Amino acid sequence: MERLQKVIAHAGVTSRRKAEDYIVAGRVAVNGKVVKELGTKVPEKATIEVDGIPIEREAPVFFLLYKPKKVISAVEDDKDRPVVTDYIDETEARIYPIGRLDYDTTGLLLLTNDGDFANSMMHPRSNINKTYIAKVKGKPSKDTLQRLSRGIKLDDGKTGPAKVSFKSGNKKNDTSIIELVISEGRNHQIKRMLEAVGHPVLKLKRERYAFLTLDGLDPGDFRSLKPVEVAKLREMAVT
């Protein structure tokens, strides 16, 4: 279920903040009953009226984007930088990214207008694995890789277990390529983990999201998720 003001905003009636004013003023009804309490959550099939006029809820859409570098994981930016929704031009739905990738991080990002789906993907217990490839300074020792796999103490707590593997090294440039698989989604988590063990990230890419990959896509490309893929992700998120 989604918050009432969010549903109204997504339907294009008004902004979310203005929708809150409408609710408090008694101008919104759910299934024929006026609702004045902010934060009320409504089911997907609820009938919602604003000033007696039913709103049309958008059909859910789901996209996979190969996010390029120097793009913001948001729907707008106050500095007028490119945002991820700029790249998806085949829908008029009010989509937004599920989670985020840093400005200088590339890779697989999901976008949708389905709040329930987005929340299930980002829930701490979702158990959705994300695979990252990091180019780091120096060459991590086996002990360092084991520390990363067991979890690293950060300022917001210890990270969960991770799958970590050394892929390659460049002695001349003193750099290494590391693969990390995590199921958490803390801000800048991979960068902070590697910084904490003395191997700052020089380049970062998310290559996989659960079973989804970037196969056949170049930076800036996108595709719609197949219904079977959406169903499988939903199933994974609750197991």
C-alpha atoms as a PDB file:
ATOM      1  CA  MET A   1       0.000   0.000   0.000  1.00  0.00           C
ATOM      2  CA  GLU A   2       1.067   3.593  -0.612  1.00  0.00           C
ATOM      3  CA  ARG A   3       0.471   6.833   1.239  1.00  0.00           C
ATOM      4  CA  LEU A   4      -2.598   8.660  -0.017  1.00  0.00           C
ATOM      5  CA  GLN A   5      -0.813  11.938  -0.764  1.00  0.00           C
ATOM      6  CA  LYS A   6       1.779  10.068  -2.815  1.00  0.00           C
ATOM      7  CA  VAL A   7      -0.881   8.338  -4.911  1.00  0.00           C
ATOM      8  CA  ILE A   8      -2.578  11.675  -5.606  1.00  0.00           C
ATOM      9  CA  ALA A   9       0.716  13.267  -6.634  1.00  0.00           C
ATOM     10  CA  HIS A  10       1.640  10.335  -8.883  1.00  0.00           C
ATOM     11  CA  ALA A  11      -1.720  10.655 -10.625  1.00  0.00           C
ATOM     12  CA  GLY A  12      -0.719  14.175 -11.648  1.00  0.00           C
ATOM     13  CA  VAL A  13      -3.461  15.938  -9.693  1.00  0.00           C
ATOM     14  CA  THR A  14      -1.102  18.175  -7.754  1.00  0.00           C
ATOM     15  CA  SER A  15       2.168  18.109  -5.805  1.00  0.00           C
ATOM     16  CA  ARG A  16       2.541  15.825  -2.793  1.00  0.00           C
ATOM     17  CA  ARG A  17       2.634  18.776  -0.418  1.00  0.00           C
ATOM     18  CA  LYS A  18      -0.513  20.274  -1.935  1.00  0.00           C
ATOM     19  CA  ALA A  19      -2.165  16.848  -1.779  1.00  0.00           C
ATOM     20  CA  GLU A  20      -1.581  16.899   1.973  1.00  0.00           C
ATOM     21  CA  ASP A  21      -3.436  20.207   2.161  1.00  0.00           C
ATOM     22  CA  TYR A  22      -6.322  18.684   0.184  1.00  0.00           C
ATOM     23  CA  ILE A  23      -6.502  15.748   2.603  1.00  0.00           C
ATOM     24  CA  VAL A  24      -6.526  17.922   5.726  1.00  0.00           C
ATOM     25  CA  ALA A  25      -9.194  20.130   4.145  1.00  0.00           C
ATOM     26  CA  GLY A  26     -11.477  17.117   3.625  1.00  0.00           C
ATOM     27  CA  ARG A  27     -11.350  17.256  -0.157  1.00  0.00           C
ATOM     28  CA  VAL A  28     -10.230  13.634  -0.590  1.00  0.00           C
ATOM     29  CA  ALA A  29     -12.340  10.483  -0.308  1.00  0.00           C
ATOM     30  CA  VAL A  30     -11.232   6.850  -0.376  1.00  0.00           C
ATOM     31  CA  ASN A  31     -13.854   4.304  -1.353  1.00  0.00           C
ATOM     32  CA  GLY A  32     -16.538   6.920  -0.746  1.00  0.00           C
ATOM     33  CA  LYS A  33     -15.314   7.961   2.709  1.00  0.00           C
ATOM     34  CA  VAL A  34     -13.617  11.307   3.380  1.00  0.00           C
ATOM     35  CA  VAL A  35     -10.097  10.878   4.764  1.00  0.00           C
ATOM     36  CA  LYS A  36      -8.418  13.721   6.654  1.00  0.00           C
ATOM     37  CA  GLU A  37      -5.539  11.897   8.313  1.00  0.00           C
ATOM     38  CA  LEU A  38      -2.101  12.388   6.754  1.00  0.00           C
ATOM     39  CA  GLY A  39      -0.090   9.234   6.248  1.00  0.00           C
ATOM     40  CA  THR A  40      -3.148   7.127   5.482  1.00  0.00           C
ATOM     41  CA  LYS A  41      -2.157   4.200   3.280  1.00  0.00           C
ATOM     42  CA  VAL A  42      -4.439   2.966   0.538  1.00  0.00           C
ATOM     43  CA  PRO A  43      -4.546  -0.339  -1.347  1.00  0.00           C
ATOM     44  CA  GLU A  44      -3.811  -0.484  -5.053  1.00  0.00           C
ATOM     45  CA  LYS A  45      -7.444  -0.961  -6.085  1.00  0.00           C
ATOM     46  CA  ALA A  46      -8.946   1.727  -3.840  1.00  0.00           C
ATOM     47  CA  THR A  47     -11.181   4.338  -5.476  1.00  0.00           C
ATOM     48  CA  ILE A  48      -9.816   7.800  -4.705  1.00  0.00           C
ATOM     49  CA  GLU A  49     -11.688  11.036  -5.371  1.00  0.00           C
ATOM     50  CA  VAL A  50     -10.479  14.619  -5.132  1.00  0.00           C
ATOM     51  CA  ASP A  51     -13.328  17.157  -4.969  1.00  0.00           C
ATOM     52  CA  GLY A  52     -15.669  14.380  -6.053  1.00  0.00           C
ATOM     53  CA  ILE A  53     -13.675  13.507  -9.192  1.00  0.00           C
ATOM     54  CA  PRO A  54     -12.052  10.039  -9.356  1.00  0.00           C
ATOM     55  CA  ILE A  55      -8.332  10.099 -10.062  1.00  0.00           C
ATOM     56  CA  GLU A  56      -6.753   7.822 -12.660  1.00  0.00           C
ATOM     57  CA  ARG A  57      -3.903   5.802 -11.226  1.00  0.00           C
ATOM     58  CA  GLU A  58      -0.982   5.014 -13.492  1.00  0.00           C
ATOM     59  CA  ALA A  59      -0.422   1.468 -14.621  1.00  0.00           C
ATOM     60  CA  PRO A  60       2.774   0.118 -13.012  1.00  0.00           C
ATOM     61  CA  VAL A  61       5.899   0.181 -15.163  1.00  0.00           C
ATOM     62  CA  PHE A  62       9.354  -1.239 -14.502  1.00  0.00           C
ATOM     63  CA  PHE A  63      12.633  -0.363 -16.205  1.00  0.00           C
ATOM     64  CA  LEU A  64      16.269  -1.437 -16.062  1.00  0.00           C
ATOM     65  CA  LEU A  65      18.758   1.335 -16.872  1.00  0.00           C
ATOM     66  CA  TYR A  66      22.494   1.140 -17.498  1.00  0.00           C
ATOM     67  CA  LYS A  67      23.296   4.300 -15.555  1.00  0.00           C
ATOM     68  CA  PRO A  68      26.167   6.290 -17.053  1.00  0.00           C
ATOM     69  CA  LYS A  69      28.778   8.152 -15.030  1.00  0.00           C
ATOM     70  CA  LYS A  70      28.036  11.703 -13.859  1.00  0.00           C
ATOM     71  CA  VAL A  71      24.278  11.207 -13.693  1.00  0.00           C
ATOM     72  CA  ILE A  72      22.157  11.796 -10.579  1.00  0.00           C
ATOM     73  CA  SER A  73      19.947   8.966  -9.277  1.00  0.00           C
ATOM     74  CA  ALA A  74      16.900  11.208  -8.921  1.00  0.00           C
ATOM     75  CA  VAL A  75      14.025  12.664 -10.919  1.00  0.00           C
ATOM     76  CA  GLU A  76      15.352  16.225 -10.740  1.00  0.00           C
ATOM     77  CA  ASP A  77      18.452  18.117  -9.649  1.00  0.00           C
ATOM     78  CA  ASP A  78      18.725  21.646  -8.289  1.00  0.00           C
ATOM     79  CA  LYS A  79      22.073  22.059 -10.090  1.00  0.00           C
ATOM     80  CA  ASP A  80      20.531  21.092 -13.432  1.00  0.00           C
ATOM     81  CA  ARG A  81      22.733  18.010 -13.811  1.00  0.00           C
ATOM     82  CA  PRO A  82      21.503  15.007 -15.826  1.00  0.00           C
ATOM     83  CA  VAL A  83      19.198  12.659 -13.903  1.00  0.00           C
ATOM     84  CA  VAL A  84      18.407   9.004 -14.554  1.00  0.00           C
ATOM     85  CA  THR A  85      14.844   9.651 -15.713  1.00  0.00           C
ATOM     86  CA  ASP A  86      16.219  11.725 -18.604  1.00  0.00           C
ATOM     87  CA  TYR A  87      17.246   8.475 -20.295  1.00  0.00           C
ATOM     88  CA  ILE A  88      13.844   6.739 -20.294  1.00  0.00           C
ATOM     89  CA  ASP A  89      11.705   8.311 -22.963  1.00  0.00           C
ATOM     90  CA  GLU A  90       9.083   5.668 -23.724  1.00  0.00           C
ATOM     91  CA  THR A  91       6.736   6.370 -20.806  1.00  0.00           C
ATOM     92  CA  GLU A  92       4.833   9.326 -19.399  1.00  0.00           C
ATOM     93  CA  ALA A  93       4.524   7.617 -16.034  1.00  0.00           C
ATOM     94  CA  ARG A  94       6.105   9.378 -13.059  1.00  0.00           C
ATOM     95  CA  ILE A  95       8.941   6.942 -12.518  1.00  0.00           C
ATOM     96  CA  TYR A  96      11.725   7.164  -9.971  1.00  0.00           C
ATOM     97  CA  PRO A  97      14.843   5.120  -9.152  1.00  0.00           C
ATOM     98  CA  ILE A  98      14.773   2.230  -6.702  1.00  0.00           C
ATOM     99  CA  GLY A  99      17.618   3.169  -4.395  1.00  0.00           C
ATOM    100  CA  ARG A 100      20.500   5.034  -5.896  1.00  0.00           C
ATOM    101  CA  LEU A 101      23.925   4.835  -7.445  1.00  0.00           C
ATOM    102  CA  ASP A 102      26.441   7.589  -6.738  1.00  0.00           C
ATOM    103  CA  TYR A 103      27.048  10.373  -9.253  1.00  0.00           C
ATOM    104  CA  ASP A 104      30.302   8.788 -10.425  1.00  0.00           C
ATOM    105  CA  THR A 105      29.117   5.161 -10.175  1.00  0.00           C
ATOM    106  CA  THR A 106      27.844   3.342 -13.253  1.00  0.00           C
ATOM    107  CA  GLY A 107      25.733   0.264 -13.737  1.00  0.00           C
ATOM    108  CA  LEU A 108      22.386  -1.392 -13.233  1.00  0.00           C
ATOM    109  CA  LEU A 109      19.584   0.678 -11.749  1.00  0.00           C
ATOM    110  CA  LEU A 110      15.867  -0.113 -11.572  1.00  0.00           C
ATOM    111  CA  LEU A 111      13.149   2.508 -11.964  1.00  0.00           C
ATOM    112  CA  THR A 112       9.395   2.241 -11.434  1.00  0.00           C
ATOM    113  CA  ASN A 113       6.233   4.088 -10.465  1.00  0.00           C
ATOM    114  CA  ASP A 114       5.133   1.210  -8.226  1.00  0.00           C
ATOM    115  CA  GLY A 115       5.737   2.195  -4.623  1.00  0.00           C
ATOM    116  CA  ASP A 116       4.995  -1.231  -3.168  1.00  0.00           C
ATOM    117  CA  PHE A 117       7.490  -2.868  -5.498  1.00  0.00           C
ATOM    118  CA  ALA A 118      10.146  -0.222  -4.775  1.00  0.00           C
ATOM    119  CA  ASN A 119       9.678  -0.580  -1.015  1.00  0.00           C
ATOM    120  CA  SER A 120       9.937  -4.361  -1.197  1.00  0.00           C
ATOM    121  CA  MET A 121      13.202  -4.101  -3.142  1.00  0.00           C
ATOM    122  CA  MET A 122      14.709  -1.676  -0.628  1.00  0.00           C
ATOM    123  CA  HIS A 123      13.466  -3.357   2.541  1.00  0.00           C
ATOM    124  CA  PRO A 124      16.346  -4.358   4.863  1.00  0.00           C
ATOM    125  CA  ARG A 125      15.134  -7.966   4.826  1.00  0.00           C
ATOM    126  CA  SER A 126      14.649  -8.134   1.059  1.00  0.00           C
ATOM    127  CA  ASN A 127      17.757 -10.311   0.606  1.00  0.00           C
ATOM    128  CA  ILE A 128      18.320  -8.975  -2.916  1.00  0.00           C
ATOM    129  CA  ASN A 129      21.967  -9.398  -3.895  1.00  0.00           C
ATOM    130  CA  LYS A 130      23.761  -6.613  -5.762  1.00  0.00           C
ATOM    131  CA  THR A 131      27.073  -7.322  -7.474  1.00  0.00           C
ATOM    132  CA  TYR A 132      29.680  -4.567  -7.808  1.00  0.00           C
ATOM    133  CA  ILE A 133      33.007  -4.392  -9.594  1.00  0.00           C
ATOM    134  CA  ALA A 134      35.426  -1.955  -7.960  1.00  0.00           C
ATOM    135  CA  LYS A 135      38.758  -0.671  -9.169  1.00  0.00           C
ATOM    136  CA  VAL A 136      40.732   0.170  -6.045  1.00  0.00           C
ATOM    137  CA  LYS A 137      44.083   1.602  -5.081  1.00  0.00           C
ATOM    138  CA  GLY A 138      46.622  -1.018  -4.055  1.00  0.00           C
ATOM    139  CA  LYS A 139      46.296  -4.772  -3.762  1.00  0.00           C
ATOM    140  CA  PRO A 140      44.151  -6.105  -0.898  1.00  0.00           C
ATOM    141  CA  SER A 141      45.655  -9.014   1.002  1.00  0.00           C
ATOM    142  CA  LYS A 142      43.781 -12.257   1.591  1.00  0.00           C
ATOM    143  CA  ASP A 143      43.209 -11.161   5.173  1.00  0.00           C
ATOM    144  CA  THR A 144      41.705  -7.883   3.963  1.00  0.00           C
ATOM    145  CA  LEU A 145      39.358  -9.726   1.602  1.00  0.00           C
ATOM    146  CA  GLN A 146      38.286 -11.977   4.475  1.00  0.00           C
ATOM    147  CA  ARG A 147      37.627  -8.916   6.664  1.00  0.00           C
ATOM    148  CA  LEU A 148      35.407  -7.477   3.951  1.00  0.00           C
ATOM    149  CA  SER A 149      33.525 -10.765   3.627  1.00  0.00           C
ATOM    150  CA  ARG A 150      32.871 -10.943   7.377  1.00  0.00           C
ATOM    151  CA  GLY A 151      31.651  -7.350   7.616  1.00  0.00           C
ATOM    152  CA  ILE A 152      33.286  -4.000   8.299  1.00  0.00           C
ATOM    153  CA  LYS A 153      32.546  -1.656  11.194  1.00  0.00           C
ATOM    154  CA  LEU A 154      31.347   1.669   9.785  1.00  0.00           C
ATOM    155  CA  ASP A 155      29.990   4.729  11.526  1.00  0.00           C
ATOM    156  CA  ASP A 156      26.433   3.435  11.062  1.00  0.00           C
ATOM    157  CA  GLY A 157      27.181  -0.084  12.275  1.00  0.00           C
ATOM    158  CA  LYS A 158      28.813  -3.240  11.035  1.00  0.00           C
ATOM    159  CA  THR A 159      28.032  -4.324   7.497  1.00  0.00           C
ATOM    160  CA  GLY A 160      26.565  -7.737   6.835  1.00  0.00           C
ATOM    161  CA  PRO A 161      28.470 -10.640   5.304  1.00  0.00           C
ATOM    162  CA  ALA A 162      29.581 -10.131   1.711  1.00  0.00           C
ATOM    163  CA  LYS A 163      30.996 -12.274  -1.051  1.00  0.00           C
ATOM    164  CA  VAL A 164      34.355 -10.807  -2.013  1.00  0.00           C
ATOM    165  CA  SER A 165      36.809 -11.957  -4.662  1.00  0.00           C
ATOM    166  CA  PHE A 166      40.010 -10.620  -6.178  1.00  0.00           C
ATOM    167  CA  LYS A 167      39.782 -10.434  -9.981  1.00  0.00           C
ATOM    168  CA  SER A 168      43.024  -8.880 -11.208  1.00  0.00           C
ATOM    169  CA  GLY A 169      45.837  -6.500 -10.369  1.00  0.00           C
ATOM    170  CA  ASN A 170      47.979  -3.939 -12.149  1.00  0.00           C
ATOM    171  CA  LYS A 171      51.400  -3.632 -10.530  1.00  0.00           C
ATOM    172  CA  LYS A 172      52.426  -0.708 -12.726  1.00  0.00           C
ATOM    173  CA  ASN A 173      49.452   1.427 -11.672  1.00  0.00           C
ATOM    174  CA  ASP A 174      49.170  -0.159  -8.202  1.00  0.00           C
ATOM    175  CA  THR A 175      45.487  -0.904  -8.683  1.00  0.00           C
ATOM    176  CA  SER A 176      43.245  -3.966  -8.342  1.00  0.00           C
ATOM    177  CA  ILE A 177      39.829  -5.128  -9.515  1.00  0.00           C
ATOM    178  CA  ILE A 178      37.586  -6.507  -6.754  1.00  0.00           C
ATOM    179  CA  GLU A 179      34.109  -8.055  -6.987  1.00  0.00           C
ATOM    180  CA  LEU A 180      31.744  -7.613  -4.052  1.00  0.00           C
ATOM    181  CA  VAL A 181      28.246  -9.017  -3.620  1.00  0.00           C
ATOM    182  CA  ILE A 182      26.089  -7.443  -0.896  1.00  0.00           C
ATOM    183  CA  SER A 183      22.399  -7.489  -0.016  1.00  0.00           C
ATOM    184  CA  GLU A 184      22.373  -4.225   1.953  1.00  0.00           C
ATOM    185  CA  GLY A 185      21.854  -0.784   0.501  1.00  0.00           C
ATOM    186  CA  ARG A 186      23.523   1.776   2.748  1.00  0.00           C
ATOM    187  CA  ASN A 187      24.694   5.084   1.306  1.00  0.00           C
ATOM    188  CA  HIS A 188      28.138   4.806  -0.316  1.00  0.00           C
ATOM    189  CA  GLN A 189      28.480   1.362   1.290  1.00  0.00           C
ATOM    190  CA  ILE A 190      31.007  -0.206  -1.082  1.00  0.00           C
ATOM    191  CA  LYS A 191      33.150   2.917  -1.105  1.00  0.00           C
ATOM    192  CA  ARG A 192      33.107   3.183   2.668  1.00  0.00           C
ATOM    193  CA  MET A 193      33.926  -0.486   3.149  1.00  0.00           C
ATOM    194  CA  LEU A 194      36.940  -0.327   0.881  1.00  0.00           C
ATOM    195  CA  GLU A 195      38.071   3.019   2.285  1.00  0.00           C
ATOM    196  CA  ALA A 196      37.927   1.507   5.774  1.00  0.00           C
ATOM    197  CA  VAL A 197      40.408  -1.236   4.814  1.00  0.00           C
ATOM    198  CA  GLY A 198      42.808   1.167   3.117  1.00  0.00           C
ATOM    199  CA  HIS A 199      41.879   0.599  -0.528  1.00  0.00           C
ATOM    200  CA  PRO A 200      39.912   3.620  -1.771  1.00  0.00           C
ATOM    201  CA  VAL A 201      37.659   3.137  -4.783  1.00  0.00           C
ATOM    202  CA  LEU A 202      38.830   4.651  -8.051  1.00  0.00           C
ATOM    203  CA  LYS A 203      35.979   3.327 -10.163  1.00  0.00           C
ATOM    204  CA  LEU A 204      32.743   1.512  -9.322  1.00  0.00           C
ATOM    205  CA  LYS A 205      30.101  -0.320 -11.343  1.00  0.00           C
ATOM    206  CA  ARG A 206      27.024  -2.317 -10.338  1.00  0.00           C
ATOM    207  CA  GLU A 207      26.968  -5.294 -12.698  1.00  0.00           C
ATOM    208  CA  ARG A 208      24.077  -7.359 -11.367  1.00  0.00           C
ATOM    209  CA  TYR A 209      20.871  -6.877  -9.413  1.00  0.00           C
ATOM    210  CA  ALA A 210      19.679 -10.284  -8.245  1.00  0.00           C
ATOM    211  CA  PHE A 211      19.531 -12.258 -11.541  1.00  0.00           C
ATOM    212  CA  LEU A 212      19.380  -9.151 -13.755  1.00  0.00           C
ATOM    213  CA  THR A 213      22.424  -8.133 -15.794  1.00  0.00           C
ATOM    214  CA  LEU A 214      23.489  -5.420 -18.229  1.00  0.00           C
ATOM    215  CA  ASP A 215      23.861  -7.844 -21.127  1.00  0.00           C
ATOM    216  CA  GLY A 216      23.237  -6.151 -24.464  1.00  0.00           C
ATOM    217  CA  LEU A 217      23.131  -2.639 -23.007  1.00  0.00           C
ATOM    218  CA  ASP A 218      25.531   0.300 -23.280  1.00  0.00           C
ATOM    219  CA  PRO A 219      25.690   3.203 -20.805  1.00  0.00           C
ATOM    220  CA  GLY A 220      22.468   5.203 -21.141  1.00  0.00           C
ATOM    221  CA  ASP A 221      20.489   2.279 -22.590  1.00  0.00           C
ATOM    222  CA  PHE A 222      17.403   0.886 -20.878  1.00  0.00           C
ATOM    223  CA  ARG A 223      14.798  -1.831 -21.274  1.00  0.00           C
ATOM    224  CA  SER A 224      11.470  -2.727 -19.715  1.00  0.00           C
ATOM    225  CA  LEU A 225      11.455  -5.560 -17.216  1.00  0.00           C
ATOM    226  CA  LYS A 226       9.511  -8.624 -18.301  1.00  0.00           C
ATOM    227  CA  PRO A 227       6.484  -9.580 -16.170  1.00  0.00           C
ATOM    228  CA  VAL A 228       8.221 -12.818 -15.209  1.00  0.00           C
ATOM    229  CA  GLU A 229      11.240 -10.818 -13.999  1.00  0.00           C
ATOM    230  CA  VAL A 230       9.060  -8.541 -11.878  1.00  0.00           C
ATOM    231  CA  ALA A 231       7.257 -11.544 -10.415  1.00  0.00           C
ATOM    232  CA  LYS A 232      10.551 -13.273  -9.605  1.00  0.00           C
ATOM    233  CA  LEU A 233      11.918 -10.155  -7.883  1.00  0.00           C
ATOM    234  CA  ARG A 234       8.754  -9.851  -5.798  1.00  0.00           C
ATOM    235  CA  GLU A 235       9.098 -13.488  -4.780  1.00  0.00           C
ATOM    236  CA  MET A 236      12.762 -13.063  -3.853  1.00  0.00           C
ATOM    237  CA  ALA A 237      12.013 -10.007  -1.726  1.00  0.00           C
ATOM    238  CA  VAL A 238       9.711 -11.876   0.637  1.00  0.00           C
ATOM    239  CA  THR A 239      11.717 -15.078   1.034  1.00  0.00           C
END
